[in-house]
Amino acid sequence: MSTDLHGRLRCDHCNKYASFEDSDSYTVYGAVYSSIDDGPEPHDPVELCGKCSDKLYGDLKKRYREGYRGGDWMKSGAERKAAKECGLVWVSNSTKIHDITGAEAFNCYIEESEYEHYQPKFQKNYHPKEHIKRVR
């Protein structure tokens, strides 16, 4: 966490002090090896002030409209808001998104229209329309 000795939150992007109420955070995918014996540890969360969170939201919204489909491991409020406004849904398991080509998606955003083909593997008695009703 990005706090100083007095417990004040600092933004990791602009390095300015931020209030806890307006802050946002995300954690990227991946791991850091501190030593071979300890094994991998996840990255530390990135803390953002309200202004940097708004900038991240604008950048992500633009990228999602241009076709970017990636996301962070622990999603920020800015990422969730941008994806929702662009009509995207996050899928984290191996998901069949196209019946003819057999295309699959894993840990990425897909469009809501593609979500209709969402078929989690190893699930018995699956009916797409019933599953979509339960999710929404």
Foldseek 3Di string as FASTA:
>chain_A
DAADPVRFHAAPPPRHTADPVQKKKFFADDFDDPDPVVDTDGDDIGMHHNVVLVVVLVVLLVVVVVPAWAAGPGHIPSNVVSCVVSQWDFDADWWQQDDPVRDTDHRTIDHVVSQLRGDDPPDPPDDSVVVVVVVD
